[in-house]
Amino acid sequence: MAGNVWEWVADWYGDYDEDETNNPMGPRNGTLRIMRGGSWLSYWYTNNFRAANRYSDNPAYSYSDVGFRCARTPPGAL
């Protein structure tokens, strides 16, 4: 998946709680959403092809190299 598109995630942009080490959550609200990953449009900067990349932008904007993934927790998995 790396290099396909940046992916919007549910987190708002902000500092993480330093005590959270497993899937830290950002603030409960904000104006900028987090995008993760990297895209084909970032070919000149190879570090943009990492799933760990974190970038923020206004969720009202749209770009040809930004998308999202539909996912859900399977029933009974929790």
PDB file of N, CA and C in Angstrom:
ATOM      1  N   MET A   1       0.799  -1.201   0.000  1.00  0.00           N
ATOM      2  CA  MET A   1       0.000   0.000   0.000  1.00  0.00           C
ATOM      3  C   MET A   1       0.840   1.262   0.000  1.00  0.00           C
ATOM      4  N   ALA A   2       2.038   1.182   0.516  1.00  0.00           N
ATOM      5  CA  ALA A   2       2.869   2.379   0.565  1.00  0.00           C
ATOM      6  C   ALA A   2       3.099   2.909  -0.836  1.00  0.00           C
ATOM      7  N   GLY A   3       2.915   4.204  -0.986  1.00  0.00           N
ATOM      8  CA  GLY A   3       3.140   4.822  -2.273  1.00  0.00           C
ATOM      9  C   GLY A   3       1.887   4.979  -3.109  1.00  0.00           C
ATOM     10  N   ASN A   4       0.773   4.408  -2.669  1.00  0.00           N
ATOM     11  CA  ASN A   4      -0.467   4.538  -3.422  1.00  0.00           C
ATOM     12  C   ASN A   4      -1.058   5.926  -3.182  1.00  0.00           C
ATOM     13  N   VAL A   5      -1.611   6.167  -2.026  1.00  0.00           N
ATOM     14  CA  VAL A   5      -2.127   7.491  -1.657  1.00  0.00           C
ATOM     15  C   VAL A   5      -1.891   7.733  -0.174  1.00  0.00           C
ATOM     16  N   TRP A   6      -1.833   8.998   0.204  1.00  0.00           N
ATOM     17  CA  TRP A   6      -1.911   9.338   1.617  1.00  0.00           C
ATOM     18  C   TRP A   6      -3.289   8.898   2.089  1.00  0.00           C
ATOM     19  N   GLU A   7      -3.412   8.428   3.320  1.00  0.00           N
ATOM     20  CA  GLU A   7      -4.701   7.989   3.837  1.00  0.00           C
ATOM     21  C   GLU A   7      -5.137   8.865   4.996  1.00  0.00           C
ATOM     22  N   TRP A   8      -6.376   9.380   4.906  1.00  0.00           N
ATOM     23  CA  TRP A   8      -6.948  10.092   6.041  1.00  0.00           C
ATOM     24  C   TRP A   8      -7.183   9.077   7.156  1.00  0.00           C
ATOM     25  N   VAL A   9      -6.936   9.472   8.388  1.00  0.00           N
ATOM     26  CA  VAL A   9      -7.259   8.628   9.543  1.00  0.00           C
ATOM     27  C   VAL A   9      -8.200   9.405  10.454  1.00  0.00           C
ATOM     28  N   ALA A  10      -8.715   8.768  11.488  1.00  0.00           N
ATOM     29  CA  ALA A  10      -9.735   9.372  12.344  1.00  0.00           C
ATOM     30  C   ALA A  10      -9.178  10.446  13.282  1.00  0.00           C
ATOM     31  N   ASP A  11      -7.879  10.468  13.512  1.00  0.00           N
ATOM     32  CA  ASP A  11      -7.296  11.392  14.497  1.00  0.00           C
ATOM     33  C   ASP A  11      -7.249  12.832  14.001  1.00  0.00           C
ATOM     34  N   TRP A  12      -7.519  13.734  14.917  1.00  0.00           N
ATOM     35  CA  TRP A  12      -7.262  15.152  14.671  1.00  0.00           C
ATOM     36  C   TRP A  12      -5.807  15.421  14.963  1.00  0.00           C
ATOM     37  N   TYR A  13      -5.250  16.455  14.350  1.00  0.00           N
ATOM     38  CA  TYR A  13      -3.840  16.783  14.535  1.00  0.00           C
ATOM     39  C   TYR A  13      -3.608  17.404  15.909  1.00  0.00           C
ATOM     40  N   GLY A  14      -2.561  16.978  16.565  1.00  0.00           N
ATOM     41  CA  GLY A  14      -2.159  17.524  17.863  1.00  0.00           C
ATOM     42  C   GLY A  14      -1.101  16.634  18.467  1.00  0.00           C
ATOM     43  N   ASP A  15      -0.588  17.044  19.592  1.00  0.00           N
ATOM     44  CA  ASP A  15       0.435  16.254  20.273  1.00  0.00           C
ATOM     45  C   ASP A  15      -0.181  14.991  20.868  1.00  0.00           C
ATOM     46  N   TYR A  16       0.593  13.916  20.867  1.00  0.00           N
ATOM     47  CA  TYR A  16       0.176  12.674  21.504  1.00  0.00           C
ATOM     48  C   TYR A  16       0.461  12.750  22.994  1.00  0.00           C
ATOM     49  N   ASP A  17      -0.313  12.001  23.758  1.00  0.00           N
ATOM     50  CA  ASP A  17      -0.035  11.837  25.185  1.00  0.00           C
ATOM     51  C   ASP A  17       1.220  10.973  25.303  1.00  0.00           C
ATOM     52  N   GLU A  18       2.233  11.464  25.971  1.00  0.00           N
ATOM     53  CA  GLU A  18       3.511  10.740  26.060  1.00  0.00           C
ATOM     54  C   GLU A  18       3.378   9.413  26.783  1.00  0.00           C
ATOM     55  N   ASP A  19       2.339   9.248  27.603  1.00  0.00           N
ATOM     56  CA  ASP A  19       2.151   7.996  28.336  1.00  0.00           C
ATOM     57  C   ASP A  19       1.528   6.898  27.475  1.00  0.00           C
ATOM     58  N   GLU A  20       0.916   7.274  26.368  1.00  0.00           N
ATOM     59  CA  GLU A  20       0.312   6.283  25.478  1.00  0.00           C
ATOM     60  C   GLU A  20       1.368   5.783  24.496  1.00  0.00           C
ATOM     61  N   THR A  21       1.613   4.500  24.500  1.00  0.00           N
ATOM     62  CA  THR A  21       2.620   3.941  23.595  1.00  0.00           C
ATOM     63  C   THR A  21       2.011   3.004  22.561  1.00  0.00           C
ATOM     64  N   ASN A  22       0.780   2.553  22.771  1.00  0.00           N
ATOM     65  CA  ASN A  22       0.126   1.650  21.840  1.00  0.00           C
ATOM     66  C   ASN A  22      -1.082   2.355  21.231  1.00  0.00           C
ATOM     67  N   ASN A  23      -0.997   2.702  19.948  1.00  0.00           N
ATOM     68  CA  ASN A  23      -2.057   3.398  19.228  1.00  0.00           C
ATOM     69  C   ASN A  23      -2.484   4.681  19.942  1.00  0.00           C
ATOM     70  N   PRO A  24      -1.575   5.623  20.117  1.00  0.00           N
ATOM     71  CA  PRO A  24      -1.936   6.873  20.806  1.00  0.00           C
ATOM     72  C   PRO A  24      -2.980   7.656  20.024  1.00  0.00           C
ATOM     73  N   MET A  25      -3.889   8.259  20.732  1.00  0.00           N
ATOM     74  CA  MET A  25      -4.937   9.056  20.111  1.00  0.00           C
ATOM     75  C   MET A  25      -4.568  10.530  20.211  1.00  0.00           C
ATOM     76  N   GLY A  26      -4.955  11.289  19.212  1.00  0.00           N
ATOM     77  CA  GLY A  26      -4.750  12.732  19.237  1.00  0.00           C
ATOM     78  C   GLY A  26      -5.873  13.395  20.022  1.00  0.00           C
ATOM     79  N   PRO A  27      -6.008  14.707  19.883  1.00  0.00           N
ATOM     80  CA  PRO A  27      -7.071  15.418  20.583  1.00  0.00           C
ATOM     81  C   PRO A  27      -8.458  14.981  20.095  1.00  0.00           C
ATOM     82  N   ARG A  28      -9.496  15.280  20.886  1.00  0.00           N
ATOM     83  CA  ARG A  28     -10.865  14.876  20.542  1.00  0.00           C
ATOM     84  C   ARG A  28     -11.452  15.686  19.387  1.00  0.00           C
ATOM     85  N   ASN A  29     -10.930  16.883  19.123  1.00  0.00           N
ATOM     86  CA  ASN A  29     -11.423  17.693  18.014  1.00  0.00           C
ATOM     87  C   ASN A  29     -10.309  18.605  17.534  1.00  0.00           C
ATOM     88  N   GLY A  30     -10.570  19.310  16.461  1.00  0.00           N
ATOM     89  CA  GLY A  30      -9.560  20.196  15.903  1.00  0.00           C
ATOM     90  C   GLY A  30      -9.974  20.684  14.527  1.00  0.00           C
ATOM     91  N   THR A  31      -9.033  21.276  13.821  1.00  0.00           N
ATOM     92  CA  THR A  31      -9.322  21.767  12.469  1.00  0.00           C
ATOM     93  C   THR A  31      -8.537  21.001  11.408  1.00  0.00           C
ATOM     94  N   LEU A  32      -7.468  20.314  11.806  1.00  0.00           N
ATOM     95  CA  LEU A  32      -6.646  19.549  10.869  1.00  0.00           C
ATOM     96  C   LEU A  32      -6.735  18.067  11.196  1.00  0.00           C
ATOM     97  N   ARG A  33      -6.903  17.247  10.169  1.00  0.00           N
ATOM     98  CA  ARG A  33      -6.919  15.790  10.337  1.00  0.00           C
ATOM     99  C   ARG A  33      -5.558  15.224   9.959  1.00  0.00           C
ATOM    100  N   ILE A  34      -5.299  14.024  10.455  1.00  0.00           N
ATOM    101  CA  ILE A  34      -4.038  13.339  10.172  1.00  0.00           C
ATOM    102  C   ILE A  34      -4.165  12.504   8.906  1.00  0.00           C
ATOM    103  N   MET A  35      -3.111  12.543   8.106  1.00  0.00           N
ATOM    104  CA  MET A  35      -2.962  11.640   6.960  1.00  0.00           C
ATOM    105  C   MET A  35      -1.725  10.799   7.229  1.00  0.00           C
ATOM    106  N   ARG A  36      -1.767   9.550   6.818  1.00  0.00           N
ATOM    107  CA  ARG A  36      -0.625   8.659   6.998  1.00  0.00           C
ATOM    108  C   ARG A  36      -0.245   8.022   5.668  1.00  0.00           C
ATOM    109  N   GLY A  37       0.989   7.563   5.610  1.00  0.00           N
ATOM    110  CA  GLY A  37       1.452   6.812   4.441  1.00  0.00           C
ATOM    111  C   GLY A  37       2.339   7.612   3.529  1.00  0.00           C
ATOM    112  N   GLY A  38       1.914   7.777   2.315  1.00  0.00           N
ATOM    113  CA  GLY A  38       2.673   8.479   1.293  1.00  0.00           C
ATOM    114  C   GLY A  38       1.994   8.236  -0.035  1.00  0.00           C
ATOM    115  N   SER A  39       2.423   8.909  -1.056  1.00  0.00           N
ATOM    116  CA  SER A  39       1.719   8.752  -2.327  1.00  0.00           C
ATOM    117  C   SER A  39       2.671   8.688  -3.505  1.00  0.00           C
ATOM    118  N   TRP A  40       2.098   8.288  -4.625  1.00  0.00           N
ATOM    119  CA  TRP A  40       2.829   8.238  -5.890  1.00  0.00           C
ATOM    120  C   TRP A  40       3.299   9.627  -6.300  1.00  0.00           C
ATOM    121  N   LEU A  41       2.628  10.673  -5.838  1.00  0.00           N
ATOM    122  CA  LEU A  41       2.990  12.035  -6.202  1.00  0.00           C
ATOM    123  C   LEU A  41       4.255  12.501  -5.467  1.00  0.00           C
ATOM    124  N   SER A  42       4.651  11.748  -4.446  1.00  0.00           N
ATOM    125  CA  SER A  42       5.833  12.110  -3.658  1.00  0.00           C
ATOM    126  C   SER A  42       7.061  11.328  -4.097  1.00  0.00           C
ATOM    127  N   TYR A  43       7.103  10.923  -5.354  1.00  0.00           N
ATOM    128  CA  TYR A  43       8.184  10.053  -5.838  1.00  0.00           C
ATOM    129  C   TYR A  43       9.574  10.655  -5.686  1.00  0.00           C
ATOM    130  N   TRP A  44       9.685  11.979  -5.632  1.00  0.00           N
ATOM    131  CA  TRP A  44      11.007  12.599  -5.518  1.00  0.00           C
ATOM    132  C   TRP A  44      11.533  12.551  -4.083  1.00  0.00           C
ATOM    133  N   TYR A  45      10.700  12.176  -3.137  1.00  0.00           N
ATOM    134  CA  TYR A  45      11.116  12.137  -1.734  1.00  0.00           C
ATOM    135  C   TYR A  45      10.755  10.771  -1.174  1.00  0.00           C
ATOM    136  N   THR A  46      11.687   9.832  -1.225  1.00  0.00           N
ATOM    137  CA  THR A  46      11.395   8.438  -0.912  1.00  0.00           C
ATOM    138  C   THR A  46      10.938   8.207   0.519  1.00  0.00           C
ATOM    139  N   ASN A  47      11.238   9.091   1.457  1.00  0.00           N
ATOM    140  CA  ASN A  47      10.754   8.913   2.829  1.00  0.00           C
ATOM    141  C   ASN A  47       9.231   9.021   2.913  1.00  0.00           C
ATOM    142  N   ASN A  48       8.589   9.536   1.879  1.00  0.00           N
ATOM    143  CA  ASN A  48       7.131   9.642   1.892  1.00  0.00           C
ATOM    144  C   ASN A  48       6.440   8.316   1.599  1.00  0.00           C
ATOM    145  N   PHE A  49       7.184   7.234   1.443  1.00  0.00           N
ATOM    146  CA  PHE A  49       6.587   5.934   1.179  1.00  0.00           C
ATOM    147  C   PHE A  49       6.578   5.051   2.415  1.00  0.00           C
ATOM    148  N   ARG A  50       6.452   5.627   3.574  1.00  0.00           N
ATOM    149  CA  ARG A  50       6.447   4.865   4.820  1.00  0.00           C
ATOM    150  C   ARG A  50       5.062   4.949   5.459  1.00  0.00           C
ATOM    151  N   ALA A  51       4.537   3.814   5.931  1.00  0.00           N
ATOM    152  CA  ALA A  51       3.236   3.813   6.604  1.00  0.00           C
ATOM    153  C   ALA A  51       3.265   4.648   7.879  1.00  0.00           C
ATOM    154  N   ALA A  52       4.441   4.849   8.450  1.00  0.00           N
ATOM    155  CA  ALA A  52       4.559   5.610   9.697  1.00  0.00           C
ATOM    156  C   ALA A  52       4.531   7.119   9.478  1.00  0.00           C
ATOM    157  N   ASN A  53       4.565   7.567   8.241  1.00  0.00           N
ATOM    158  CA  ASN A  53       4.522   9.015   7.996  1.00  0.00           C
ATOM    159  C   ASN A  53       3.251   9.612   8.555  1.00  0.00           C
ATOM    160  N   ARG A  54       3.369  10.822   9.062  1.00  0.00           N
ATOM    161  CA  ARG A  54       2.234  11.523   9.649  1.00  0.00           C
ATOM    162  C   ARG A  54       2.254  12.948   9.134  1.00  0.00           C
ATOM    163  N   TYR A  55       1.145  13.365   8.548  1.00  0.00           N
ATOM    164  CA  TYR A  55       1.032  14.693   7.976  1.00  0.00           C
ATOM    165  C   TYR A  55      -0.363  15.204   8.304  1.00  0.00           C
ATOM    166  N   SER A  56      -0.562  16.503   8.327  1.00  0.00           N
ATOM    167  CA  SER A  56      -1.892  17.028   8.643  1.00  0.00           C
ATOM    168  C   SER A  56      -2.352  17.990   7.559  1.00  0.00           C
ATOM    169  N   ASP A  57      -3.677  18.085   7.414  1.00  0.00           N
ATOM    170  CA  ASP A  57      -4.264  19.020   6.454  1.00  0.00           C
ATOM    171  C   ASP A  57      -5.741  19.198   6.786  1.00  0.00           C
ATOM    172  N   ASN A  58      -6.338  20.174   6.145  1.00  0.00           N
ATOM    173  CA  ASN A  58      -7.754  20.452   6.319  1.00  0.00           C
ATOM    174  C   ASN A  58      -8.554  19.338   5.643  1.00  0.00           C
ATOM    175  N   PRO A  59      -9.447  18.652   6.361  1.00  0.00           N
ATOM    176  CA  PRO A  59     -10.184  17.543   5.760  1.00  0.00           C
ATOM    177  C   PRO A  59     -11.184  17.976   4.685  1.00  0.00           C
ATOM    178  N   ALA A  60     -11.431  19.264   4.541  1.00  0.00           N
ATOM    179  CA  ALA A  60     -12.339  19.750   3.499  1.00  0.00           C
ATOM    180  C   ALA A  60     -11.658  19.798   2.132  1.00  0.00           C
ATOM    181  N   TYR A  61     -10.335  19.730   2.105  1.00  0.00           N
ATOM    182  CA  TYR A  61      -9.597  19.785   0.845  1.00  0.00           C
ATOM    183  C   TYR A  61      -9.565  18.403   0.203  1.00  0.00           C
ATOM    184  N   SER A  62      -9.413  18.364  -1.101  1.00  0.00           N
ATOM    185  CA  SER A  62      -9.255  17.079  -1.787  1.00  0.00           C
ATOM    186  C   SER A  62      -8.048  17.168  -2.726  1.00  0.00           C
ATOM    187  N   TYR A  63      -7.372  16.052  -2.852  1.00  0.00           N
ATOM    188  CA  TYR A  63      -6.185  15.949  -3.694  1.00  0.00           C
ATOM    189  C   TYR A  63      -6.225  14.625  -4.435  1.00  0.00           C
ATOM    190  N   SER A  64      -5.546  14.538  -5.560  1.00  0.00           N
ATOM    191  CA  SER A  64      -5.547  13.295  -6.332  1.00  0.00           C
ATOM    192  C   SER A  64      -4.706  12.204  -5.688  1.00  0.00           C
ATOM    193  N   ASP A  65      -3.880  12.548  -4.697  1.00  0.00           N
ATOM    194  CA  ASP A  65      -3.032  11.546  -4.057  1.00  0.00           C
ATOM    195  C   ASP A  65      -3.393  11.330  -2.587  1.00  0.00           C
ATOM    196  N   VAL A  66      -4.638  11.651  -2.211  1.00  0.00           N
ATOM    197  CA  VAL A  66      -5.106  11.450  -0.837  1.00  0.00           C
ATOM    198  C   VAL A  66      -6.421  10.685  -0.899  1.00  0.00           C
ATOM    199  N   GLY A  67      -6.542   9.653  -0.079  1.00  0.00           N
ATOM    200  CA  GLY A  67      -7.756   8.850  -0.052  1.00  0.00           C
ATOM    201  C   GLY A  67      -8.035   8.347   1.347  1.00  0.00           C
ATOM    202  N   PHE A  68      -8.841   7.318   1.442  1.00  0.00           N
ATOM    203  CA  PHE A  68      -9.133   6.712   2.733  1.00  0.00           C
ATOM    204  C   PHE A  68      -9.384   5.228   2.524  1.00  0.00           C
ATOM    205  N   ARG A  69      -9.346   4.494   3.618  1.00  0.00           N
ATOM    206  CA  ARG A  69      -9.574   3.052   3.561  1.00  0.00           C
ATOM    207  C   ARG A  69     -10.744   2.738   4.479  1.00  0.00           C
ATOM    208  N   CYS A  70     -11.688   1.982   3.985  1.00  0.00           N
ATOM    209  CA  CYS A  70     -12.806   1.534   4.830  1.00  0.00           C
ATOM    210  C   CYS A  70     -12.345   0.312   5.592  1.00  0.00           C
ATOM    211  N   ALA A  71     -12.522   0.330   6.880  1.00  0.00           N
ATOM    212  CA  ALA A  71     -12.108  -0.803   7.707  1.00  0.00           C
ATOM    213  C   ALA A  71     -13.030  -0.901   8.916  1.00  0.00           C
ATOM    214  N   ARG A  72     -13.169  -2.089   9.432  1.00  0.00           N
ATOM    215  CA  ARG A  72     -13.941  -2.274  10.655  1.00  0.00           C
ATOM    216  C   ARG A  72     -13.370  -3.443  11.419  1.00  0.00           C
ATOM    217  N   THR A  73     -13.643  -3.453  12.689  1.00  0.00           N
ATOM    218  CA  THR A  73     -13.220  -4.555  13.530  1.00  0.00           C
ATOM    219  C   THR A  73     -14.185  -5.712  13.326  1.00  0.00           C
ATOM    220  N   PRO A  74     -13.696  -6.911  13.071  1.00  0.00           N
ATOM    221  CA  PRO A  74     -14.592  -8.053  12.870  1.00  0.00           C
ATOM    222  C   PRO A  74     -15.408  -8.330  14.134  1.00  0.00           C
ATOM    223  N   PRO A  75     -16.647  -8.771  13.976  1.00  0.00           N
ATOM    224  CA  PRO A  75     -17.473  -9.095  15.145  1.00  0.00           C
ATOM    225  C   PRO A  75     -16.764 -10.124  16.042  1.00  0.00           C
ATOM    226  N   GLY A  76     -16.796  -9.879  17.314  1.00  0.00           N
ATOM    227  CA  GLY A  76     -16.188 -10.788  18.272  1.00  0.00           C
ATOM    228  C   GLY A  76     -14.698 -10.627  18.455  1.00  0.00           C
ATOM    229  N   ALA A  77     -14.080  -9.683  17.768  1.00  0.00           N
ATOM    230  CA  ALA A  77     -12.625  -9.523  17.845  1.00  0.00           C
ATOM    231  C   ALA A  77     -12.178  -8.775  19.100  1.00  0.00           C
ATOM    232  N   LEU A  78     -13.086  -8.068  19.731  1.00  0.00           N
ATOM    233  CA  LEU A  78     -12.683  -7.297  20.918  1.00  0.00           C
ATOM    234  C   LEU A  78     -12.902  -8.030  22.185  1.00  0.00           C
TER     235      LEU A  78
END
